[in-house]
């Protein structure tokens, strides 16, 4: 499907059906929200956009011409390049759409106070993703490695100062659940910082 508008309409149709037939009454739903798509466009020969539902917000990507994702295991993660950097997408499948890839932004959606609030977060993420990343002195740190450090697992010798600056920026506070710029301006609640950046990266949770 190479028509962004048609793809957006299809996602709304399919996920409104999921909402009606499979999600009604579940406590994770934010009843202030409804199914909507935002920013569907062509990127690298594939249709991408953001899907907003009462239970999740995902960046979605449809296969382009020549892509065959049917041989890839469901749940497998693949890196996808955007101007701002690389994001990991997961192979998914749903009746009415088929195979597509998703990058999770929010789930559940309890923090959003209105549909406009959710759309503003989607717009902020997409704007950030489409802006070229500023050059830094340090090479990018693999997010799997960052995750292992935060969980206190065994890792190769790494420069924690470099990891810290890449993960958070030189002067930035640790981000909320997802690194979407401008969330404080649109009112998404962020937990208060209780650990220093260095303690968080070094796994000093118990000493905080």
Protein backbone atom coordinates (compact mmCIF):
# COMPACT_ATOMS: atom_id res chain seq x y z
CA UNK A 1 0.00 0.00 0.00
CA UNK A 2 1.82 3.10 -1.25
CA UNK A 3 -0.94 5.71 -0.76
CA UNK A 4 -0.49 7.40 2.66
CA UNK A 5 -4.07 8.68 2.82
CA UNK A 6 -5.53 5.27 1.95
CA UNK A 7 -3.23 3.62 4.50
CA UNK A 8 -4.28 6.07 7.22
CA UNK A 9 -7.96 5.40 6.53
CA UNK A 10 -7.35 1.65 6.57
CA UNK A 11 -5.64 1.78 9.96
CA UNK A 12 -8.52 3.77 11.42
CA UNK A 13 -11.06 1.31 10.01
CA UNK A 14 -9.21 -1.76 11.29
CA UNK A 15 -8.40 -0.42 14.75
CA UNK A 16 -11.86 1.02 15.32
CA UNK A 17 -13.08 -2.55 14.75
CA UNK A 18 -10.48 -3.87 17.20
CA UNK A 19 -11.66 -1.24 19.70
CA UNK A 20 -15.31 -2.22 19.32
CA UNK A 21 -14.90 -5.97 19.22
CA UNK A 22 -11.88 -6.75 21.40
CA UNK A 23 -11.05 -3.87 23.73
CA UNK A 24 -14.37 -2.70 25.20
CA UNK A 25 -14.42 -2.65 28.99
CA UNK A 26 -10.72 -3.30 29.50
CA UNK A 27 -9.25 -1.16 32.32
CA UNK A 28 -6.21 -0.07 30.29
CA UNK A 29 -8.39 2.02 27.93
CA UNK A 30 -8.33 5.80 28.20
CA UNK A 31 -11.97 6.62 27.46
CA UNK A 32 -11.08 10.23 26.62
CA UNK A 33 -9.35 9.02 23.44
CA UNK A 34 -10.44 7.50 20.15
CA UNK A 35 -8.69 5.86 17.20
CA UNK A 36 -6.94 8.37 14.95
CA UNK A 37 -3.95 8.49 12.61
CA UNK A 38 -1.46 11.32 12.26
CA UNK A 39 1.25 12.31 9.80
CA UNK A 40 1.00 9.45 7.29
CA UNK A 41 3.59 10.02 4.55
CA UNK A 42 6.13 8.28 2.35
CA UNK A 43 9.56 7.81 3.89
CA UNK A 44 12.25 5.79 2.15
CA UNK A 45 9.73 4.25 -0.20
CA UNK A 46 7.47 3.11 2.65
CA UNK A 47 4.33 4.58 4.18
CA UNK A 48 4.85 5.64 7.80
CA UNK A 49 2.63 7.44 10.27
CA UNK A 50 1.44 7.45 13.86
CA UNK A 51 -1.50 5.40 15.10
CA UNK A 52 -3.31 6.72 18.17
CA UNK A 53 -5.75 4.49 20.07
CA UNK A 54 -7.21 4.53 23.60
CA UNK A 55 -4.66 1.89 24.61
CA UNK A 56 -1.46 2.66 22.67
CA UNK A 57 0.37 5.07 20.38
CA UNK A 58 2.70 3.56 17.77
CA UNK A 59 4.69 4.69 14.79
CA UNK A 60 3.64 2.28 12.03
CA UNK A 61 5.47 1.38 8.83
CA UNK A 62 4.08 -0.51 5.84
CA UNK A 63 6.25 -2.52 3.44
CA UNK A 64 7.42 -0.79 0.30
CA UNK A 65 7.78 -2.24 -3.15
CA UNK A 66 10.15 -5.18 -3.03
CA UNK A 67 9.80 -5.68 0.74
CA UNK A 68 8.86 -9.20 1.86
CA UNK A 69 8.23 -9.29 5.60
CA UNK A 70 6.20 -12.51 5.47
CA UNK A 71 9.33 -14.58 6.05
CA UNK A 72 10.35 -12.55 9.14
CA UNK A 73 9.27 -13.88 12.53
CA UNK A 74 6.54 -11.90 14.27
CA UNK A 75 8.03 -9.87 17.12
CA UNK A 76 11.43 -9.61 15.42
CA UNK A 77 12.95 -6.14 15.75
CA UNK A 78 14.63 -4.32 12.90
CA UNK A 79 16.44 -0.94 12.93
CA UNK A 80 14.92 1.71 10.68
CA UNK A 81 16.75 4.92 9.78
CA UNK A 82 15.20 8.37 10.20
CA UNK A 83 16.88 11.78 9.88
CA UNK A 84 17.15 12.04 13.68
CA UNK A 85 18.67 8.57 14.07
CA UNK A 86 17.79 4.90 14.14
CA UNK A 87 14.66 3.50 15.78
CA UNK A 88 13.87 -0.16 16.37
CA UNK A 89 10.64 -1.42 14.82
CA UNK A 90 8.92 -4.72 15.53
CA UNK A 91 7.25 -6.98 12.97
CA UNK A 92 3.51 -7.13 13.61
CA UNK A 93 0.44 -8.43 11.85
CA UNK A 94 -3.27 -7.67 12.07
CA UNK A 95 -6.24 -8.84 10.02
CA UNK A 96 -7.18 -6.27 7.41
CA UNK A 97 -3.67 -4.82 7.16
CA UNK A 98 -1.29 -7.75 7.08
CA UNK A 99 2.39 -7.46 8.03
CA UNK A 100 3.66 -4.09 9.13
CA UNK A 101 6.23 -2.73 11.58
CA UNK A 102 5.67 -0.77 14.78
CA UNK A 103 7.73 1.45 17.06
CA UNK A 104 5.98 1.89 20.40
CA UNK A 105 5.66 5.43 21.78
CA UNK A 106 3.15 5.01 24.64
CA UNK A 107 1.22 2.16 26.23
CA UNK A 108 -1.00 2.50 28.13
CA UNK A 109 -2.35 5.99 27.40
CA UNK A 110 -3.56 7.04 30.85
CA UNK A 111 -1.51 10.24 31.03
CA UNK A 112 -3.31 11.89 28.13
CA UNK A 113 -6.14 14.21 29.13
CA UNK A 114 -7.72 14.64 25.69
CA UNK A 115 -7.46 13.59 22.05
CA UNK A 116 -5.73 16.87 21.24
CA UNK A 117 -3.19 16.15 23.94
CA UNK A 118 -2.34 12.80 22.31
CA UNK A 119 -2.16 14.32 18.82
CA UNK A 120 0.25 16.99 20.12
CA UNK A 121 2.55 14.26 21.46
CA UNK A 122 2.40 12.45 18.10
CA UNK A 123 3.23 15.65 16.26
CA UNK A 124 6.16 16.37 18.60
CA UNK A 125 7.67 12.93 18.08
CA UNK A 126 7.28 12.97 14.31
CA UNK A 127 8.78 16.45 14.05
CA UNK A 128 11.77 15.32 16.12
CA UNK A 129 12.25 12.10 14.14
CA UNK A 130 12.31 13.98 10.85
CA UNK A 131 14.93 16.54 11.96
CA UNK A 132 18.57 15.63 11.24
CA UNK A 133 20.47 14.69 14.36
CA UNK A 134 23.12 17.12 15.57
CA UNK A 135 26.67 15.83 15.24
CA UNK A 136 28.31 14.76 18.50
CA UNK A 137 31.83 13.82 19.50
CA UNK A 138 30.75 10.32 20.50
CA UNK A 139 29.60 7.41 18.35
CA UNK A 140 26.00 6.31 18.97
CA UNK A 141 25.54 3.78 21.77
CA UNK A 142 23.50 0.68 20.94
CA UNK A 143 20.21 0.84 22.86
CA UNK A 144 20.46 -2.86 23.81
CA UNK A 145 23.80 -2.11 25.49
CA UNK A 146 22.26 0.87 27.27
CA UNK A 147 19.46 -1.37 28.51
CA UNK A 148 21.93 -3.92 29.89
CA UNK A 149 23.82 -1.19 31.73
CA UNK A 150 20.64 0.14 33.30
CA UNK A 151 19.68 -3.38 34.41
CA UNK A 152 23.11 -3.92 35.97
CA UNK A 153 24.04 -6.79 33.68
CA UNK A 154 27.57 -7.71 32.63
CA UNK A 155 28.79 -5.45 29.82
CA UNK A 156 32.05 -4.82 27.99
CA UNK A 157 34.20 -1.95 29.18
CA UNK A 158 32.52 1.25 28.03
CA UNK A 159 32.94 4.96 28.57
CA UNK A 160 30.12 5.80 31.00
CA UNK A 161 30.62 9.51 30.45
CA UNK A 162 30.16 9.01 26.72
CA UNK A 163 27.15 6.80 27.28
CA UNK A 164 25.68 9.38 29.63
CA UNK A 165 26.04 12.22 27.15
CA UNK A 166 24.60 10.18 24.28
CA UNK A 167 21.69 8.87 26.33
CA UNK A 168 20.66 12.14 27.97
CA UNK A 169 22.66 14.99 26.40
CA UNK A 170 25.28 17.00 28.23
CA UNK A 171 22.90 19.14 30.28
CA UNK A 172 19.58 17.34 29.95
CA UNK A 173 17.61 15.62 32.68
CA UNK A 174 16.77 11.91 32.21
CA UNK A 175 13.88 11.68 29.75
CA UNK A 176 10.34 10.44 30.41
CA UNK A 177 9.24 6.98 29.27
CA UNK A 178 9.88 7.91 25.60
CA UNK A 179 12.27 10.60 24.30
CA UNK A 180 9.68 12.89 22.74
CA UNK A 181 10.78 16.52 22.78
CA UNK A 182 8.27 19.05 24.05
CA UNK A 183 6.17 16.75 26.27
CA UNK A 184 6.34 19.10 29.24
CA UNK A 185 4.98 21.85 27.03
CA UNK A 186 1.97 19.73 26.04
CA UNK A 187 1.33 18.55 29.57
CA UNK A 188 2.41 14.91 29.71
CA UNK A 189 3.22 14.06 33.31
CA UNK A 190 6.80 13.06 34.02
CA UNK A 191 7.92 11.36 37.21
CA UNK A 192 10.17 13.43 39.45
CA UNK A 193 13.88 12.70 39.12
CA UNK A 194 15.13 10.74 42.14
CA UNK A 195 18.46 9.49 40.84
CA UNK A 196 21.38 11.28 39.29
CA UNK A 197 22.13 10.47 35.66
CA UNK A 198 25.44 8.89 36.64
CA UNK A 199 23.86 6.74 39.39
CA UNK A 200 21.17 5.57 36.98
CA UNK A 201 23.70 4.58 34.33
CA UNK A 202 25.95 2.86 36.86
CA UNK A 203 23.02 0.90 38.34
CA UNK A 204 23.16 2.55 41.77
CA UNK A 205 19.44 2.27 42.34
CA UNK A 206 19.62 0.80 45.79
CA UNK A 207 21.84 3.61 47.06
CA UNK A 208 19.57 6.44 45.89
